[in-house]
Amino acid sequence: PKNMIIDNKDYVIRVEEIECSIKNSGHGTKIMNDLIYLADKHRMNITLTASSILGSEINRLISFYKRFGFFQTQNIQFLGDGHDCVMFRFYKTEEEEHAYS
């Protein structure tokens, strides 16, 4: 993934493509768990764009992200080569995490 600091509060992590040979092997789940851990630890919300441009099915991507507490902030949009959907997740404190367990 490529990282780019926009300002002192916002960070952009861009994952452009997951190699076919590692899809469905748990790597995406591990990356999301690590990202969510860091975001929660630093009290940072996450916004992402689920996109089918690289060949993934948009509804499958949305379901994947919902497993981690993301929700859709807009309807799926068709953008030429694929479909995009913006999703959001509020950070959770340790107290909130234990309350939901």
Protein backbone atom coordinates (compact mmCIF):
# COMPACT_ATOMS: atom_id res chain seq x y z
CA PRO A 1 0.00 0.00 0.00
CA LYS A 2 1.03 3.58 -0.64
CA ASN A 3 0.81 6.12 2.19
CA MET A 4 0.46 9.86 1.77
CA ILE A 5 0.09 12.41 4.57
CA ILE A 6 -2.46 15.08 3.62
CA ASP A 7 -2.23 17.11 6.86
CA ASN A 8 -1.75 16.47 10.56
CA LYS A 9 -5.17 14.80 10.93
CA ASP A 10 -5.80 12.89 7.70
CA TYR A 11 -3.95 9.96 6.19
CA VAL A 12 -4.64 8.18 2.92
CA ILE A 13 -3.75 4.53 2.46
CA ARG A 14 -4.25 3.34 -1.07
CA VAL A 15 -4.44 -0.34 -1.91
CA GLU A 16 -4.53 -0.50 -5.67
CA GLU A 17 -4.65 -4.21 -6.25
CA ILE A 18 -4.58 -7.50 -4.37
CA GLU A 19 -2.72 -10.19 -6.28
CA CYS A 20 -5.06 -12.96 -7.47
CA SER A 21 -2.93 -15.67 -5.88
CA ILE A 22 -3.56 -14.28 -2.36
CA LYS A 23 -7.26 -13.44 -2.71
CA ASN A 24 -9.51 -15.42 -0.34
CA SER A 25 -6.51 -16.41 1.79
CA GLY A 26 -7.14 -14.12 4.78
CA HIS A 27 -4.66 -11.40 3.81
CA GLY A 28 -7.38 -8.78 3.34
CA THR A 29 -8.91 -9.64 6.71
CA LYS A 30 -5.50 -9.35 8.39
CA ILE A 31 -4.86 -5.96 6.75
CA MET A 32 -8.31 -4.69 7.81
CA ASN A 33 -7.87 -5.96 11.39
CA ASP A 34 -4.47 -4.22 11.64
CA LEU A 35 -5.82 -1.00 10.12
CA ILE A 36 -8.86 -0.97 12.44
CA TYR A 37 -6.69 -1.68 15.47
CA LEU A 38 -4.49 1.34 14.67
CA ALA A 39 -7.46 3.58 13.84
CA ASP A 40 -9.23 2.67 17.09
CA LYS A 41 -6.04 3.08 19.12
CA HIS A 42 -5.54 6.60 17.71
CA ARG A 43 -9.28 7.43 17.68
CA MET A 44 -9.44 7.86 13.93
CA ASN A 45 -12.53 7.26 11.80
CA ILE A 46 -12.04 5.49 8.46
CA THR A 47 -13.57 6.40 5.10
CA LEU A 48 -12.96 4.11 2.13
CA THR A 49 -14.12 3.59 -1.41
CA ALA A 50 -15.08 0.06 -2.36
CA SER A 51 -14.49 -0.24 -6.09
CA SER A 52 -15.09 -2.95 -8.67
CA ILE A 53 -12.71 -1.39 -11.19
CA LEU A 54 -10.03 -4.05 -10.54
CA GLY A 55 -12.42 -6.94 -11.00
CA SER A 56 -13.95 -7.54 -7.57
CA GLU A 57 -17.73 -7.74 -7.34
CA ILE A 58 -19.03 -4.56 -5.62
CA ASN A 59 -21.62 -6.29 -3.41
CA ARG A 60 -18.98 -8.77 -2.22
CA LEU A 61 -16.68 -5.88 -1.30
CA ILE A 62 -19.47 -4.08 0.55
CA SER A 63 -20.27 -7.25 2.53
CA PHE A 64 -16.57 -7.67 3.38
CA TYR A 65 -16.27 -4.13 4.75
CA LYS A 66 -19.56 -4.36 6.66
CA ARG A 67 -18.03 -7.25 8.65
CA PHE A 68 -15.62 -4.67 10.09
CA GLY A 69 -18.29 -2.16 11.06
CA PHE A 70 -18.36 -0.02 7.92
CA PHE A 71 -21.62 1.35 6.54
CA GLN A 72 -22.48 2.83 3.17
CA THR A 73 -22.56 6.63 3.02
CA GLN A 74 -23.93 6.74 -0.51
CA ASN A 75 -25.53 4.51 -3.09
CA ILE A 76 -23.41 2.48 -5.47
CA GLN A 77 -22.33 4.64 -8.41
CA PHE A 78 -21.44 3.41 -11.89
CA LEU A 79 -18.22 5.08 -13.02
CA GLY A 80 -17.30 3.98 -16.52
CA ASP A 81 -15.21 0.86 -15.86
CA GLY A 82 -16.83 -0.23 -12.62
CA HIS A 83 -18.90 0.57 -9.57
CA ASP A 84 -17.83 2.59 -6.52
CA CYS A 85 -19.34 2.91 -3.07
CA VAL A 86 -18.05 5.17 -0.28
CA MET A 87 -18.14 3.55 3.17
CA PHE A 88 -17.39 4.84 6.67
CA ARG A 89 -16.48 3.45 10.10
CA PHE A 90 -16.39 5.33 13.42
CA TYR A 91 -13.53 4.41 15.70
CA LYS A 92 -14.37 2.39 18.80
CA THR A 93 -12.83 2.84 22.23
CA GLU A 94 -11.78 -0.19 24.28
CA GLU A 95 -14.81 0.34 26.50
CA GLU A 96 -17.15 0.27 23.49
CA GLU A 97 -15.42 -2.81 22.10
CA HIS A 98 -15.91 -4.70 25.38
CA ALA A 99 -19.55 -3.58 25.61
CA TYR A 100 -20.27 -5.19 22.20
CA SER A 101 -18.40 -8.43 22.94
